[in-house]
N, C-alpha and C. Protein backbone atom coordinates (compact mmCIF):
# COMPACT_ATOMS: atom_id res chain seq x y z
N MET A 1 3.82 -23.68 71.76
CA MET A 1 3.62 -24.29 70.89
C MET A 1 3.44 -24.01 69.37
N ARG A 2 2.29 -23.26 69.26
CA ARG A 2 1.84 -22.48 68.03
C ARG A 2 2.74 -21.60 67.29
N LYS A 3 3.02 -20.91 68.17
CA LYS A 3 3.92 -19.79 67.87
C LYS A 3 5.43 -20.31 67.37
N GLY A 4 6.32 -21.58 68.10
CA GLY A 4 7.34 -22.45 67.38
C GLY A 4 6.85 -22.82 66.02
N LEU A 5 5.65 -23.44 65.96
CA LEU A 5 5.02 -23.52 64.88
C LEU A 5 5.11 -22.96 63.24
N GLU A 6 4.27 -21.47 63.65
CA GLU A 6 4.68 -20.44 62.79
C GLU A 6 5.75 -19.92 62.49
N GLU A 7 6.79 -19.55 63.37
CA GLU A 7 8.07 -19.36 63.41
C GLU A 7 8.53 -20.40 62.40
N GLY A 8 8.20 -22.01 62.74
CA GLY A 8 8.67 -22.78 61.73
C GLY A 8 8.72 -22.74 60.57
N LYS A 9 7.62 -22.44 60.14
CA LYS A 9 6.73 -22.48 58.94
C LYS A 9 7.32 -21.15 58.10
N LEU A 10 7.39 -19.79 58.76
CA LEU A 10 7.97 -18.83 58.21
C LEU A 10 9.82 -18.98 57.90
N HIS A 11 10.38 -19.80 58.50
CA HIS A 11 12.06 -20.09 58.48
C HIS A 11 11.77 -20.74 57.49
N ALA A 12 10.94 -22.05 57.07
CA ALA A 12 11.08 -23.19 56.19
C ALA A 12 10.82 -22.19 54.56
N ARG A 13 9.74 -21.24 54.91
CA ARG A 13 9.42 -20.60 53.75
C ARG A 13 10.46 -19.83 52.98
N GLN A 14 11.28 -18.95 53.79
CA GLN A 14 12.27 -18.18 53.52
C GLN A 14 12.97 -18.89 53.12
N LEU A 15 13.60 -20.15 53.90
CA LEU A 15 14.71 -21.21 53.22
C LEU A 15 14.27 -21.43 51.86
N PHE A 16 13.05 -21.67 51.40
CA PHE A 16 12.73 -22.39 50.16
C PHE A 16 13.02 -20.77 49.15
N LEU A 17 12.60 -19.80 49.53
CA LEU A 17 12.62 -18.64 48.85
C LEU A 17 14.22 -18.24 48.23
N ASP A 18 14.70 -18.60 49.32
CA ASP A 18 16.19 -18.10 49.03
C ASP A 18 17.18 -19.29 48.31
N ALA A 19 16.45 -20.32 48.61
CA ALA A 19 16.85 -21.84 47.54
C ALA A 19 16.33 -21.44 45.94
N ALA A 20 15.00 -20.84 45.77
CA ALA A 20 14.64 -20.91 44.72
C ALA A 20 15.24 -19.24 43.73
N GLU A 21 15.71 -18.82 44.70
CA GLU A 21 15.93 -17.13 44.16
C GLU A 21 16.92 -17.39 42.91
N PRO A 22 18.12 -18.93 42.68
CA PRO A 22 18.78 -18.63 41.83
C PRO A 22 18.02 -19.36 40.32
N LEU A 23 16.55 -19.86 40.78
CA LEU A 23 16.25 -20.35 39.68
C LEU A 23 15.00 -19.62 39.05
N ASP A 24 15.16 -18.64 39.81
CA ASP A 24 14.17 -17.44 39.19
C ASP A 24 15.08 -16.46 38.38
N GLY A 25 16.34 -16.42 38.48
CA GLY A 25 16.95 -15.61 37.53
C GLY A 25 17.37 -16.83 36.42
N VAL A 26 17.54 -17.53 36.53
CA VAL A 26 17.57 -18.86 35.38
C VAL A 26 16.50 -18.54 34.63
N ALA A 27 15.15 -18.87 35.16
CA ALA A 27 13.84 -18.64 34.69
C ALA A 27 13.77 -17.48 33.65
N ASN A 28 14.38 -16.23 34.70
CA ASN A 28 14.17 -15.02 33.75
C ASN A 28 14.89 -15.01 32.88
N GLU A 29 16.12 -15.29 32.66
CA GLU A 29 17.43 -15.36 31.48
C GLU A 29 16.48 -16.36 30.32
N LEU A 30 16.15 -17.51 30.75
CA LEU A 30 15.50 -18.33 29.91
C LEU A 30 14.19 -17.31 28.99
N ARG A 31 13.59 -16.85 29.70
CA ARG A 31 12.25 -16.15 29.20
C ARG A 31 12.97 -15.15 28.29
N GLN A 32 13.81 -14.34 28.56
CA GLN A 32 14.89 -13.48 27.57
C GLN A 32 15.18 -13.95 26.86
N TYR A 33 15.93 -14.89 26.75
CA TYR A 33 16.13 -15.57 25.62
C TYR A 33 15.24 -16.08 24.66
N LEU A 34 14.61 -16.58 25.33
CA LEU A 34 13.60 -17.20 24.28
C LEU A 34 12.18 -16.03 23.47
N SER A 35 12.30 -15.02 24.04
CA SER A 35 11.69 -13.79 23.98
C SER A 35 12.52 -13.38 22.70
N ALA A 36 13.88 -13.25 22.74
CA ALA A 36 15.06 -12.83 21.96
C ALA A 36 14.93 -13.98 20.69
N TYR A 37 14.76 -14.70 21.10
CA TYR A 37 14.99 -15.62 19.47
C TYR A 37 13.71 -15.78 18.83
N GLU A 38 12.24 -15.95 19.64
CA GLU A 38 11.01 -15.39 19.15
C GLU A 38 11.28 -14.05 17.57
N GLN A 39 11.59 -12.96 18.54
CA GLN A 39 11.81 -11.62 17.84
C GLN A 39 12.51 -11.78 16.29
N ARG A 40 13.97 -12.86 16.61
CA ARG A 40 14.80 -12.67 15.45
C ARG A 40 14.03 -13.70 14.58
N ARG A 41 13.18 -14.69 14.94
CA ARG A 41 12.27 -15.65 13.86
C ARG A 41 11.19 -14.90 13.19
N ARG A 42 10.66 -13.92 13.97
CA ARG A 42 9.72 -13.21 13.03
C ARG A 42 10.38 -12.10 12.23
N GLU A 43 11.68 -11.57 12.48
CA GLU A 43 12.57 -10.77 11.46
C GLU A 43 13.24 -11.46 10.43
N GLU A 44 13.60 -12.77 10.59
CA GLU A 44 13.95 -13.45 9.67
C GLU A 44 12.60 -13.82 8.77
N LEU A 45 11.33 -14.07 9.39
CA LEU A 45 10.26 -14.73 8.60
C LEU A 45 9.92 -13.43 7.67
N LEU A 46 9.69 -12.23 8.08
CA LEU A 46 9.38 -11.06 7.46
C LEU A 46 10.35 -10.83 6.30
N GLN A 47 11.98 -10.83 6.52
CA GLN A 47 13.19 -10.99 5.44
C GLN A 47 12.64 -12.10 4.25
N LEU A 48 12.30 -13.18 4.57
CA LEU A 48 11.96 -14.25 3.90
C LEU A 48 10.78 -13.94 2.68
N VAL A 49 9.77 -13.38 3.51
CA VAL A 49 8.81 -12.91 2.94
C VAL A 49 8.77 -12.11 1.86
N GLU A 50 9.78 -10.77 2.07
CA GLU A 50 9.99 -10.06 1.18
C GLU A 50 10.78 -10.09 0.12
N LYS A 51 11.61 -10.96 0.41
CA LYS A 51 12.42 -11.39 -0.69
C LYS A 51 11.70 -12.01 -1.74
N VAL A 52 11.29 -13.17 -1.01
CA VAL A 52 9.93 -14.16 -2.13
C VAL A 52 8.99 -13.09 -2.54
N THR A 53 8.40 -12.34 -2.14
CA THR A 53 7.28 -11.42 -2.71
C THR A 53 8.22 -10.58 -4.01
N ARG A 54 9.42 -10.19 -3.85
CA ARG A 54 10.19 -9.54 -4.58
C ARG A 54 10.44 -10.24 -6.15
N GLN A 55 10.43 -11.60 -5.57
CA GLN A 55 10.77 -12.23 -6.69
C GLN A 55 9.53 -12.81 -7.12
N VAL A 56 8.54 -13.10 -6.71
CA VAL A 56 7.55 -13.44 -7.56
C VAL A 56 6.60 -11.67 -8.55
N ILE A 57 7.05 -10.71 -7.66
CA ILE A 57 7.02 -9.58 -8.57
C ILE A 57 7.75 -9.70 -9.92
N ARG A 58 8.92 -9.52 -9.70
CA ARG A 58 9.99 -9.47 -10.95
C ARG A 58 9.24 -10.60 -11.96
N CYS A 59 9.24 -11.66 -11.63
CA CYS A 59 8.73 -12.93 -12.55
C CYS A 59 7.60 -12.48 -13.37
N GLU A 60 6.64 -11.92 -12.44
CA GLU A 60 5.25 -11.43 -12.91
C GLU A 60 4.96 -10.18 -13.65
N LEU A 61 6.11 -9.38 -13.76
CA LEU A 61 6.42 -8.30 -14.55
C LEU A 61 6.87 -9.17 -15.73
N ALA A 62 8.17 -9.90 -15.23
CA ALA A 62 8.42 -10.38 -16.81
C ALA A 62 7.53 -11.14 -17.93
N LEU A 63 7.07 -11.84 -16.82
CA LEU A 63 5.78 -12.88 -17.82
C LEU A 63 4.54 -12.01 -18.66
N HIS A 64 4.06 -11.21 -17.62
CA HIS A 64 3.36 -9.99 -18.07
C HIS A 64 3.55 -9.00 -17.63
N PRO A 65 4.23 -7.83 -18.49
CA PRO A 65 4.75 -6.54 -18.48
C PRO A 65 3.67 -5.86 -18.24
N THR A 66 2.31 -6.05 -18.64
CA THR A 66 0.82 -5.33 -19.16
C THR A 66 0.30 -5.25 -17.52
N GLN A 67 0.56 -6.00 -16.90
CA GLN A 67 0.21 -5.90 -15.09
C GLN A 67 0.64 -4.29 -14.81
N MET A 68 1.58 -3.45 -15.14
CA MET A 68 1.88 -2.42 -14.95
C MET A 68 0.59 -1.66 -15.21
N LEU A 69 0.04 -1.88 -16.88
CA LEU A 69 -1.25 -0.93 -16.80
C LEU A 69 -2.19 -0.80 -16.04
N THR A 70 -2.53 -2.03 -15.40
CA THR A 70 -3.54 -2.67 -14.62
C THR A 70 -3.48 -1.12 -13.26
N LEU A 71 -2.08 -1.46 -13.23
CA LEU A 71 -2.06 -0.33 -11.57
C LEU A 71 -2.21 0.71 -12.37
N VAL A 72 -1.98 1.59 -13.48
CA VAL A 72 -1.85 2.83 -13.95
C VAL A 72 -3.24 3.09 -14.19
N GLU A 73 -4.24 1.94 -14.52
CA GLU A 73 -5.44 2.39 -14.80
C GLU A 73 -6.48 2.49 -13.42
N GLU A 74 -6.04 1.79 -12.36
CA GLU A 74 -6.45 1.84 -11.12
C GLU A 74 -6.24 3.14 -10.57
N ALA A 75 -4.91 3.73 -10.61
CA ALA A 75 -4.79 4.72 -10.34
C ALA A 75 -5.15 6.13 -11.07
N LEU A 76 -5.56 5.99 -12.20
CA LEU A 76 -6.18 7.10 -12.95
C LEU A 76 -7.95 7.05 -12.55
N ASN A 77 -8.57 5.69 -12.54
CA ASN A 77 -9.93 5.43 -12.04
C ASN A 77 -9.82 6.31 -10.52
N GLY A 78 -8.64 6.29 -9.68
CA GLY A 78 -9.11 6.77 -8.81
C GLY A 78 -9.18 8.53 -8.27
N LEU A 79 -8.52 8.76 -9.52
CA LEU A 79 -8.55 10.73 -9.43
C LEU A 79 -10.24 10.82 -9.76
N PRO A 80 -10.02 12.46 -9.22
CA PRO A 80 -11.38 12.80 -9.18
C PRO A 80 -12.28 12.92 -10.93
N GLN A 81 -11.17 13.49 -12.18
CA GLN A 81 -11.48 13.72 -13.24
C GLN A 81 -9.93 13.08 -14.10
N ILE A 82 -10.45 12.71 -15.04
CA ILE A 82 -8.94 11.74 -15.78
C ILE A 82 -8.13 13.05 -16.55
N PRO A 83 -7.18 13.36 -16.10
CA PRO A 83 -6.59 14.44 -16.56
C PRO A 83 -6.26 14.26 -18.34
N GLU A 84 -6.23 15.87 -18.96
CA GLU A 84 -5.76 15.76 -20.01
C GLU A 84 -4.87 15.44 -20.27
N GLN A 85 -3.54 15.97 -19.62
CA GLN A 85 -2.04 15.29 -20.12
C GLN A 85 -1.60 14.53 -19.28
N ILE A 86 -1.20 13.19 -19.38
CA ILE A 86 -0.85 12.08 -18.42
C ILE A 86 0.81 11.49 -19.42
N ARG A 87 1.48 11.67 -18.22
CA ARG A 87 2.64 10.90 -18.50
C ARG A 87 2.87 9.76 -17.53
N VAL A 88 2.97 8.68 -17.91
CA VAL A 88 3.59 7.39 -17.28
C VAL A 88 4.80 7.27 -17.52
N LEU A 89 5.69 7.18 -16.15
CA LEU A 89 7.22 6.69 -16.54
C LEU A 89 6.98 5.58 -15.97
N LEU A 90 8.09 4.72 -16.74
CA LEU A 90 8.34 3.18 -16.61
C LEU A 90 10.04 3.05 -16.73
N ASN A 91 10.27 2.07 -15.85
CA ASN A 91 11.39 1.27 -16.17
C ASN A 91 11.74 0.87 -17.48
N ALA A 92 12.72 1.07 -18.27
CA ALA A 92 13.09 1.09 -19.56
C ALA A 92 12.75 -0.30 -19.81
N ASP A 93 13.01 -1.36 -19.52
CA ASP A 93 12.89 -2.97 -20.03
C ASP A 93 11.22 -3.07 -20.24
N GLU A 94 10.61 -2.57 -18.67
CA GLU A 94 9.18 -2.61 -18.89
C GLU A 94 8.42 -1.85 -19.98
N TYR A 95 8.91 -0.30 -19.86
CA TYR A 95 8.64 0.29 -21.28
C TYR A 95 8.67 -0.75 -22.49
N GLN A 96 9.77 -1.22 -22.94
CA GLN A 96 10.39 -1.78 -24.15
C GLN A 96 9.17 -2.86 -24.13
N ARG A 97 8.94 -3.93 -22.93
CA ARG A 97 8.06 -4.89 -22.89
C ARG A 97 6.66 -4.57 -23.46
N ILE A 98 6.00 -3.70 -22.89
CA ILE A 98 4.66 -2.90 -22.58
C ILE A 98 4.17 -2.28 -24.00
N SER A 99 5.27 -1.86 -24.83
CA SER A 99 5.44 -0.90 -26.17
C SER A 99 5.22 -2.40 -26.83
N GLU A 100 5.55 -3.55 -26.81
CA GLU A 100 5.31 -4.11 -27.81
C GLU A 100 4.36 -5.13 -27.70
N ALA A 101 4.08 -4.87 -26.49
CA ALA A 101 2.40 -5.64 -26.25
C ALA A 101 1.44 -4.72 -26.47
N GLU A 102 1.33 -3.48 -25.93
CA GLU A 102 0.22 -2.82 -25.82
C GLU A 102 0.43 -1.05 -26.75
N PRO A 103 0.49 -1.20 -27.85
CA PRO A 103 1.58 -0.02 -28.58
C PRO A 103 0.40 1.40 -28.57
N GLU A 104 -0.87 0.83 -28.42
CA GLU A 104 -1.83 1.63 -28.40
C GLU A 104 -2.17 2.44 -26.92
N LYS A 105 -1.78 2.01 -26.15
CA LYS A 105 -1.60 2.43 -24.90
C LYS A 105 -0.31 2.96 -24.11
N VAL A 106 0.76 2.79 -25.29
CA VAL A 106 1.80 3.69 -25.19
C VAL A 106 1.65 5.05 -25.72
N ARG A 107 0.58 5.28 -26.65
CA ARG A 107 0.32 6.55 -27.29
C ARG A 107 -0.67 7.48 -26.30
N GLN A 108 -1.70 6.43 -26.01
CA GLN A 108 -2.93 7.06 -25.06
C GLN A 108 -2.33 7.57 -23.86
N TRP A 109 -1.37 6.67 -23.29
CA TRP A 109 -1.53 6.78 -22.03
C TRP A 109 0.36 8.19 -21.56
N GLY A 110 0.48 8.23 -22.64
CA GLY A 110 2.15 8.52 -22.77
C GLY A 110 3.21 8.12 -22.00
N LEU A 111 3.05 6.84 -21.96
CA LEU A 111 4.34 6.05 -21.28
C LEU A 111 5.80 6.58 -21.71
N CYS A 112 6.25 6.68 -20.78
CA CYS A 112 7.77 6.66 -21.28
C CYS A 112 8.45 6.27 -20.43
N ALA A 113 10.15 5.82 -21.15
CA ALA A 113 11.10 4.82 -20.58
C ALA A 113 11.84 6.05 -19.17
N ASP A 114 11.90 5.54 -18.40
CA ASP A 114 12.98 6.38 -17.32
C ASP A 114 13.87 5.39 -16.40
N PRO A 115 15.22 5.72 -17.24
CA PRO A 115 16.34 4.46 -16.85
C PRO A 115 16.38 4.89 -15.20
N ASP A 116 16.09 5.90 -14.89
CA ASP A 116 16.31 6.07 -13.31
C ASP A 116 15.18 5.11 -12.45
N LEU A 117 14.32 4.54 -13.16
CA LEU A 117 13.15 3.74 -12.40
C LEU A 117 13.64 2.25 -12.03
N ASP A 118 13.93 1.44 -11.12
CA ASP A 118 13.55 0.09 -11.04
C ASP A 118 12.93 -0.52 -11.37
N ALA A 119 13.01 -1.71 -11.56
CA ALA A 119 11.79 -2.95 -12.29
C ALA A 119 11.01 -2.74 -11.36
N GLY A 120 9.41 -2.64 -12.13
CA GLY A 120 8.24 -2.80 -11.25
C GLY A 120 8.04 -1.34 -10.67
N GLU A 121 8.65 -0.12 -10.97
CA GLU A 121 8.49 1.11 -10.53
C GLU A 121 7.76 1.75 -11.61
N CYS A 122 6.70 2.67 -11.17
CA CYS A 122 5.91 3.56 -11.85
C CYS A 122 5.64 4.52 -11.70
N ARG A 123 5.74 5.93 -12.23
CA ARG A 123 4.94 7.34 -11.62
C ARG A 123 4.13 7.49 -12.93
N VAL A 124 3.04 8.23 -12.44
CA VAL A 124 1.83 8.57 -13.27
C VAL A 124 2.41 10.09 -12.93
N VAL A 125 2.15 11.26 -14.01
CA VAL A 125 2.47 12.86 -13.88
C VAL A 125 1.61 13.57 -14.81
N THR A 126 0.63 13.95 -14.07
CA THR A 126 -0.43 14.78 -14.66
C THR A 126 -0.08 16.28 -14.66
N GLU A 127 -0.62 17.08 -15.17
CA GLU A 127 -0.48 18.43 -14.91
C GLU A 127 -0.25 18.99 -13.51
N THR A 128 -1.12 18.56 -12.36
CA THR A 128 -1.30 19.22 -11.21
C THR A 128 -0.75 18.13 -10.06
N SER A 129 -0.36 16.95 -10.30
CA SER A 129 0.05 16.08 -9.61
C SER A 129 1.34 14.72 -9.58
N GLU A 130 1.61 14.02 -8.98
CA GLU A 130 2.85 13.06 -9.28
C GLU A 130 2.26 12.00 -8.41
N MET A 131 2.43 10.79 -9.18
CA MET A 131 1.62 9.50 -8.03
C MET A 131 2.47 8.61 -8.19
N ASP A 132 3.36 7.76 -6.98
CA ASP A 132 4.25 6.41 -7.23
C ASP A 132 3.00 5.59 -6.97
N ILE A 133 3.04 4.84 -8.06
CA ILE A 133 2.47 3.84 -8.17
C ILE A 133 2.97 2.21 -8.39
N GLY A 134 4.42 2.31 -8.34
CA GLY A 134 5.43 1.33 -8.54
C GLY A 134 5.16 0.14 -6.96
N CYS A 135 5.38 -0.86 -7.23
CA CYS A 135 5.62 -2.11 -6.82
C CYS A 135 6.17 -1.78 -5.59
N GLN A 136 7.30 -1.09 -5.15
CA GLN A 136 8.12 -0.83 -3.84
C GLN A 136 7.34 -0.19 -3.47
N HIS A 137 6.56 1.12 -3.85
CA HIS A 137 5.82 1.59 -2.67
C HIS A 137 4.58 0.61 -1.96
N ARG A 138 3.53 -0.17 -3.11
CA ARG A 138 3.19 -0.79 -2.32
C ARG A 138 3.53 -2.24 -1.58
N LEU A 139 4.71 -2.83 -1.71
CA LEU A 139 5.29 -3.56 -1.43
C LEU A 139 5.34 -2.90 0.32
N ASP A 140 6.06 -1.90 0.10
CA ASP A 140 6.77 -1.08 1.45
C ASP A 140 5.32 -0.89 2.63
N GLN A 141 4.12 -0.60 1.71
CA GLN A 141 3.08 -0.57 2.65
C GLN A 141 2.33 -1.77 3.17
N CYS A 142 2.53 -2.84 2.65
CA CYS A 142 2.37 -4.22 2.91
C CYS A 142 3.66 -4.81 3.77
N MET A 143 4.54 -4.40 3.67
CA MET A 143 5.32 -4.81 4.91
C MET A 143 5.88 -4.08 6.08
N ASP A 144 5.09 -2.93 6.51
CA ASP A 144 4.49 -2.07 7.06
C ASP A 144 3.84 -2.51 8.14
N VAL A 145 2.71 -3.18 7.40
CA VAL A 145 1.27 -3.68 8.27
C VAL A 145 1.88 -5.15 8.88
N LEU A 146 2.78 -6.07 8.07
CA LEU A 146 3.42 -6.89 8.45
C LEU A 146 3.96 -6.91 9.99
N LYS A 147 4.71 -5.60 9.60
CA LYS A 147 5.81 -5.48 10.91
C LYS A 147 4.78 -5.42 11.91
N GLU A 148 3.95 -4.37 11.86
CA GLU A 148 3.02 -3.71 13.16
C GLU A 148 2.46 -4.94 13.77
N ASN A 149 2.13 -6.05 12.96
CA ASN A 149 1.51 -7.29 13.57
C ASN A 149 2.60 -8.46 14.01
N LEU A 150 3.52 -8.79 13.45
CA LEU A 150 4.62 -9.44 14.00
C LEU A 150 5.68 -8.93 15.15
N LEU A 151 5.65 -7.65 14.67
CA LEU A 151 6.90 -6.90 15.58
C LEU A 151 6.43 -6.05 16.39
N PRO A 152 5.38 -6.28 17.32
CA PRO A 152 4.63 -5.33 17.96
C PRO A 152 5.44 -4.41 18.94
N GLU A 153 6.03 -5.01 19.54
CA GLU A 153 7.48 -4.62 20.46
C GLU A 153 8.39 -3.60 20.04
N THR A 154 8.54 -3.96 18.62
CA THR A 154 9.75 -2.92 18.08
C THR A 154 9.04 -1.51 17.45
N HIS A 155 7.94 -1.65 17.23
CA HIS A 155 7.08 -1.02 16.17
C HIS A 155 7.20 0.51 16.60
N ASP A 156 7.42 0.81 18.09
CA ASP A 156 7.62 2.23 18.61
C ASP A 156 9.41 2.66 18.65
N GLU A 157 9.66 1.82 18.11
CA GLU A 157 11.33 2.27 18.24
C GLU A 157 11.49 3.27 17.07
């Protein structure tokens, strides 16, 4: 009798597992769908953050063009010694606005307009080095950190 009871339990268990198998497939598909949805949501969030940040940077530089001078000053202070020859290349529009606001800095730091640079971009050129201190470079660094944290599963791709 005990053997029959055990066999009955095993048979019932197998029937249950067989009946539940399609549900396991549906559950797996649902997990995959939700995972893909979450991935898309995070990617869209990153795109939104980047667009809003670019817009804020554009507005900030339009309202306060001398913000670029702060970036230049930080870059120069990071050097072991201040070089004798410095050229600072800026976007032409920003150069014009800074020239009007801070003409002495234009002469002191050798600010020059570079028509090839986008708004927010800046390069500091010395006799021994060249530094990209533009907003795009900094934004890229920040976005990389966000991507590492929000999209860890695609980071290695």
